[in-house]
Amino acid sequence: MQVITLNAADVIQTMSKLWWPVLRISGFVATAPLISGSMVPPRVKILITLGLLVLIAPLAPLPDSLSFFSAAGLLAALEELLIGVAIGMVVQLTFEALTLAGQTVSMTMGLGFATLIDPQHGANTTVVGQLFSIFAMLVYLAVNGHLVLIGALVDSFQSLPIGAVHIDRDFPLSLASWGGSVFEAGLLIALPAVVALVIVNLALGVVTRAAPQLNLFGVGFPLTMLAGYFILFVGSDGIMVGISSLIQSALSVAANIASLPPAGVH
């Protein structure tokens, strides 16, 4: 009978090969589009994390001496989580901004009461917001955004080695600035439709003042909704171009995060 002996050093080394990569991968899975949604069961997320771990762990360089229970080890663990979260979050913010843009259009055209359960968030979302979210998802898959993000995650282990990254205070500020610019771009996509619908509402207000006997609720709401549908139909090409440009920009930012030098993230 063969006796298997376990050496403490070998156990710690094996744990290091799995522990440090899984932190970054877990942060990525928790924030990346599609796989981070509430529609994905936790078991599936765990399986995705383990699958990526099996593929990426052999390629990830490990620190020579970094204890799990030291202050440096705790800081390294937080940095690994933050890097994974950042790579997925920059693209996830795009989906959130487009959902907000769709909700703004819905409120303006009188469809704020028409909501659906968004499987990505597990909450009620207006129909136009859900439409914009579906458009973003289709564009994201069409440009192989999921593969680009996974490639950025793999590249990050080479450009940002485990235990060698020192994230400065400008890193969260740059992410917040990017989030602000994303929401600004999302509102700019919805701006033409919102302005056109405001003009329609102003015209209805003038007509109502000229003919007080006109039933605004009986005539205004149908006209506003029809005008909204017409504007979305006519401007669908421009909306798709804006969504595609925004997602491409987010993927480029994610790739830039993954290729930052290990001396610091700026």
Protein backbone atom coordinates (compact mmCIF):
# COMPACT_ATOMS: atom_id res chain seq x y z
CA MET A 1 0.00 0.00 0.00
CA GLN A 2 1.47 3.32 -1.08
CA VAL A 3 1.51 6.07 1.52
CA ILE A 4 0.97 9.62 0.31
CA THR A 5 2.88 12.23 2.27
CA LEU A 6 2.02 15.88 2.15
CA ASN A 7 4.64 18.54 2.60
CA ALA A 8 3.46 21.85 4.10
CA ALA A 9 5.56 23.82 1.61
CA ASP A 10 4.02 21.96 -1.33
CA VAL A 11 0.51 22.57 0.01
CA ILE A 12 1.18 26.29 0.43
CA GLN A 13 2.66 26.51 -3.06
CA THR A 14 -0.37 24.75 -4.57
CA MET A 15 -2.72 27.06 -2.69
CA SER A 16 -0.77 30.08 -3.95
CA LYS A 17 -1.17 28.93 -7.55
CA LEU A 18 -4.93 28.90 -7.07
CA TRP A 19 -5.57 31.56 -4.42
CA TRP A 20 -4.03 34.61 -6.07
CA PRO A 21 -5.47 34.09 -9.59
CA VAL A 22 -8.94 33.22 -8.29
CA LEU A 23 -9.22 36.58 -6.53
CA ARG A 24 -8.79 38.53 -9.76
CA ILE A 25 -11.00 36.12 -11.69
CA SER A 26 -13.74 36.32 -9.03
CA GLY A 27 -13.77 40.11 -9.21
CA PHE A 28 -14.03 39.88 -12.99
CA VAL A 29 -16.92 37.39 -12.92
CA ALA A 30 -18.75 39.50 -10.33
CA THR A 31 -18.84 42.59 -12.58
CA ALA A 32 -18.46 41.48 -16.22
CA PRO A 33 -21.56 41.93 -18.42
CA LEU A 34 -23.94 38.99 -18.91
CA ILE A 35 -22.20 36.58 -16.51
CA SER A 36 -22.61 38.92 -13.52
CA GLY A 37 -26.37 39.32 -13.95
CA SER A 38 -28.89 37.98 -11.48
CA MET A 39 -30.25 35.69 -14.20
CA VAL A 40 -27.05 33.63 -13.97
CA PRO A 41 -27.29 31.18 -11.02
CA PRO A 42 -24.50 31.33 -8.43
CA ARG A 43 -23.46 27.76 -9.27
CA VAL A 44 -22.92 28.75 -12.90
CA LYS A 45 -20.82 31.72 -11.80
CA ILE A 46 -18.72 29.41 -9.64
CA LEU A 47 -18.26 27.02 -12.56
CA ILE A 48 -17.23 29.91 -14.83
CA THR A 49 -14.74 31.08 -12.21
CA LEU A 50 -13.27 27.60 -11.83
CA GLY A 51 -13.11 27.12 -15.60
CA LEU A 52 -11.24 30.39 -16.07
CA LEU A 53 -9.00 29.48 -13.15
CA VAL A 54 -8.01 26.18 -14.75
CA LEU A 55 -7.15 27.95 -18.01
CA ILE A 56 -5.43 31.03 -16.58
CA ALA A 57 -3.64 29.77 -13.46
CA PRO A 58 -0.81 28.00 -15.37
CA LEU A 59 -0.12 31.26 -17.25
CA ALA A 60 -0.10 33.53 -14.20
CA PRO A 61 3.33 34.31 -12.71
CA LEU A 62 3.29 33.98 -8.93
CA PRO A 63 5.19 36.09 -6.39
CA ASP A 64 8.28 34.49 -4.93
CA SER A 65 7.54 35.25 -1.29
CA LEU A 66 4.11 36.58 -0.34
CA SER A 67 2.33 35.29 2.74
CA PHE A 68 -1.43 34.99 2.85
CA PHE A 69 -1.68 36.34 6.39
CA SER A 70 0.73 39.27 6.19
CA ALA A 71 -0.16 42.92 5.63
CA ALA A 72 1.43 42.75 2.18
CA GLY A 73 -0.65 39.65 1.40
CA LEU A 74 -3.87 41.41 2.45
CA LEU A 75 -3.01 44.44 0.32
CA ALA A 76 -2.19 42.17 -2.63
CA ALA A 77 -5.54 40.37 -2.22
CA LEU A 78 -7.42 43.68 -2.28
CA GLU A 79 -5.48 44.77 -5.36
CA GLU A 80 -6.28 41.53 -7.16
CA LEU A 81 -10.00 41.95 -6.47
CA LEU A 82 -9.90 45.59 -7.56
CA ILE A 83 -8.16 44.79 -10.85
CA GLY A 84 -10.70 42.08 -11.72
CA VAL A 85 -13.62 44.32 -10.74
CA ALA A 86 -12.23 47.23 -12.78
CA ILE A 87 -11.81 45.18 -15.97
CA GLY A 88 -15.43 44.03 -15.89
CA MET A 89 -16.93 47.21 -14.44
CA VAL A 90 -15.82 49.57 -17.22
CA VAL A 91 -17.98 47.67 -19.70
CA GLN A 92 -20.83 47.03 -17.26
CA LEU A 93 -21.14 50.78 -16.77
CA THR A 94 -21.92 51.07 -20.46
CA PHE A 95 -24.96 48.83 -20.07
CA GLU A 96 -26.12 50.83 -17.06
CA ALA A 97 -25.75 54.12 -18.93
CA LEU A 98 -27.72 52.84 -21.92
CA THR A 99 -30.47 51.55 -19.64
CA LEU A 100 -30.66 55.00 -18.04
CA ALA A 101 -30.83 56.59 -21.50
CA GLY A 102 -33.73 54.31 -22.46
CA GLN A 103 -35.55 55.11 -19.23
CA THR A 104 -35.17 58.82 -19.95
CA VAL A 105 -36.75 58.37 -23.38
CA SER A 106 -39.55 56.26 -21.86
CA MET A 107 -40.40 58.91 -19.30
CA THR A 108 -40.47 61.62 -21.97
CA MET A 109 -42.76 59.71 -24.35
CA GLY A 110 -45.17 58.68 -21.59
CA LEU A 111 -44.12 55.04 -21.23
CA GLY A 112 -42.74 55.34 -17.72
CA PHE A 113 -45.56 53.11 -16.47
CA ALA A 114 -44.72 50.30 -18.92
CA THR A 115 -42.04 48.24 -17.18
CA LEU A 116 -40.61 44.77 -17.57
CA ILE A 117 -38.49 42.58 -15.35
CA ASP A 118 -34.90 43.04 -16.48
CA PRO A 119 -33.19 39.64 -16.11
CA GLN A 120 -29.79 41.32 -16.03
CA HIS A 121 -30.64 43.35 -12.90
CA GLY A 122 -33.60 41.46 -11.49
CA ALA A 123 -35.62 44.69 -11.22
CA ASN A 124 -38.28 46.57 -13.15
CA THR A 125 -37.01 48.49 -16.17
CA THR A 126 -38.94 50.56 -18.69
CA VAL A 127 -39.51 48.99 -22.09
CA VAL A 128 -37.25 51.43 -23.96
CA GLY A 129 -34.52 50.94 -21.36
CA GLN A 130 -34.85 47.20 -21.86
CA LEU A 131 -34.71 47.74 -25.64
CA PHE A 132 -31.48 49.72 -25.36
CA SER A 133 -30.05 47.06 -23.05
CA ILE A 134 -30.88 44.33 -25.59
CA PHE A 135 -29.26 46.39 -28.36
CA ALA A 136 -26.14 46.80 -26.22
CA MET A 137 -26.05 43.06 -25.47
CA LEU A 138 -26.33 42.16 -29.16
CA VAL A 139 -23.58 44.61 -30.13
CA TYR A 140 -21.42 43.36 -27.28
CA LEU A 141 -21.73 39.77 -28.50
CA ALA A 142 -21.38 40.75 -32.17
CA VAL A 143 -17.99 42.37 -31.59
CA ASN A 144 -16.90 39.43 -29.38
CA GLY A 145 -16.74 41.69 -26.37
CA HIS A 146 -16.82 38.73 -23.98
CA LEU A 147 -13.71 37.30 -25.64
CA VAL A 148 -12.01 40.70 -25.57
CA LEU A 149 -12.64 40.99 -21.83
CA ILE A 150 -11.35 37.49 -21.15
CA GLY A 151 -8.27 38.30 -23.24
CA ALA A 152 -7.78 41.48 -21.21
CA LEU A 153 -8.04 39.46 -18.01
CA VAL A 154 -5.40 37.01 -19.25
CA ASP A 155 -3.09 39.82 -20.36
CA SER A 156 -3.45 41.55 -17.01
CA PHE A 157 -1.58 38.72 -15.28
CA GLN A 158 1.44 39.49 -17.45
CA SER A 159 1.36 43.29 -17.38
CA LEU A 160 0.14 43.49 -13.76
CA PRO A 161 1.89 40.61 -12.00
CA ILE A 162 0.45 39.34 -8.75
CA GLY A 163 1.98 41.10 -5.77
CA ALA A 164 3.83 43.65 -7.92
CA VAL A 165 0.98 46.08 -8.49
CA HIS A 166 0.83 49.29 -6.48
CA ILE A 167 -2.46 51.04 -7.20
CA ASP A 168 -2.32 54.73 -6.37
CA ARG A 169 -5.16 57.01 -5.38
CA ASP A 170 -5.64 58.24 -8.95
CA PHE A 171 -6.92 54.83 -10.03
CA PRO A 172 -10.39 55.06 -8.35
CA LEU A 173 -10.66 58.66 -9.52
CA SER A 174 -9.95 57.64 -13.11
CA LEU A 175 -12.63 54.93 -12.90
CA ALA A 176 -15.13 57.44 -11.50
CA SER A 177 -14.24 59.88 -14.28
CA TRP A 178 -14.74 57.14 -16.88
CA GLY A 179 -18.11 56.30 -15.35
CA GLY A 180 -19.18 59.93 -15.59
CA SER A 181 -18.14 60.15 -19.23
CA VAL A 182 -20.00 56.91 -20.00
CA PHE A 183 -23.26 58.18 -18.50
CA GLU A 184 -22.76 61.46 -20.35
CA ALA A 185 -22.37 59.55 -23.64
CA GLY A 186 -25.46 57.48 -22.85
CA LEU A 187 -27.56 60.58 -22.28
CA LEU A 188 -26.20 62.09 -25.51
CA ILE A 189 -27.52 59.01 -27.35
CA ALA A 190 -30.98 59.67 -25.91
CA LEU A 191 -30.79 63.46 -26.31
CA PRO A 192 -32.14 63.73 -29.90
CA ALA A 193 -35.22 61.67 -29.05
CA VAL A 194 -35.78 63.58 -25.80
CA VAL A 195 -35.50 66.98 -27.53
CA ALA A 196 -37.91 65.90 -30.29
CA LEU A 197 -40.43 64.64 -27.73
CA VAL A 198 -40.14 67.86 -25.73
CA ILE A 199 -40.96 69.80 -28.89
CA VAL A 200 -44.01 67.55 -29.42
CA ASN A 201 -45.14 68.18 -25.84
CA LEU A 202 -44.70 71.93 -26.30
CA ALA A 203 -46.79 71.79 -29.47
CA LEU A 204 -49.51 69.90 -27.61
CA GLY A 205 -49.40 72.52 -24.87
CA VAL A 206 -49.91 75.31 -27.42
CA VAL A 207 -52.80 73.41 -29.02
CA THR A 208 -54.38 72.88 -25.61
CA ARG A 209 -54.18 76.59 -24.83
CA ALA A 210 -55.72 77.40 -28.21
CA ALA A 211 -58.50 74.83 -27.82
CA PRO A 212 -59.21 74.32 -24.08
CA GLN A 213 -62.04 71.90 -24.86
CA LEU A 214 -59.51 69.44 -26.32
CA ASN A 215 -58.96 66.42 -24.05
CA LEU A 216 -55.22 66.49 -23.46
CA PHE A 217 -55.13 63.09 -21.77
CA GLY A 218 -57.16 61.48 -24.52
CA VAL A 219 -55.17 62.99 -27.40
CA GLY A 220 -51.79 63.98 -25.96
CA PHE A 221 -50.63 60.60 -24.66
CA PRO A 222 -51.32 58.66 -27.88
CA LEU A 223 -49.68 61.36 -29.99
CA THR A 224 -46.63 61.49 -27.71
CA MET A 225 -46.22 57.72 -27.79
CA LEU A 226 -46.66 57.55 -31.56
CA ALA A 227 -44.13 60.35 -31.99
CA GLY A 228 -41.74 58.49 -29.70
CA TYR A 229 -42.07 55.27 -31.69
CA PHE A 230 -41.55 57.17 -34.95
CA ILE A 231 -38.46 58.95 -33.60
CA LEU A 232 -36.93 55.69 -32.33
CA PHE A 233 -37.63 54.03 -35.69
CA VAL A 234 -36.14 56.87 -37.73
CA GLY A 235 -33.15 57.29 -35.42
CA SER A 236 -32.42 53.58 -34.92
CA ASP A 237 -29.33 53.72 -37.13
CA GLY A 238 -27.84 56.59 -35.17
CA ILE A 239 -28.71 54.91 -31.86
CA MET A 240 -26.97 51.69 -32.91
CA VAL A 241 -23.90 53.63 -34.07
CA GLY A 242 -23.75 55.40 -30.71
CA ILE A 243 -24.16 52.15 -28.78
CA SER A 244 -21.49 50.41 -30.85
CA SER A 245 -19.05 53.31 -30.41
CA LEU A 246 -19.65 53.38 -26.65
CA ILE A 247 -19.08 49.64 -26.24
CA GLN A 248 -15.95 49.73 -28.40
CA SER A 249 -14.61 52.57 -26.26
CA ALA A 250 -15.35 50.62 -23.07
CA LEU A 251 -13.56 47.55 -24.39
CA SER A 252 -10.55 49.72 -25.27
CA VAL A 253 -10.48 51.13 -21.73
CA ALA A 254 -10.65 47.60 -20.29
CA ALA A 255 -7.73 46.55 -22.50
CA ASN A 256 -5.78 49.62 -21.38
CA ILE A 257 -6.36 48.76 -17.72
CA ALA A 258 -5.05 45.25 -18.37
CA SER A 259 -1.91 46.59 -20.07
CA LEU A 260 -0.84 49.14 -17.47
CA PRO A 261 2.75 48.89 -16.21
CA PRO A 262 3.22 47.16 -12.84
CA ALA A 263 4.91 50.20 -11.32
CA GLY A 264 1.51 51.87 -10.91
CA VAL A 265 -1.93 52.21 -12.37
CA HIS A 266 -2.66 55.68 -13.66
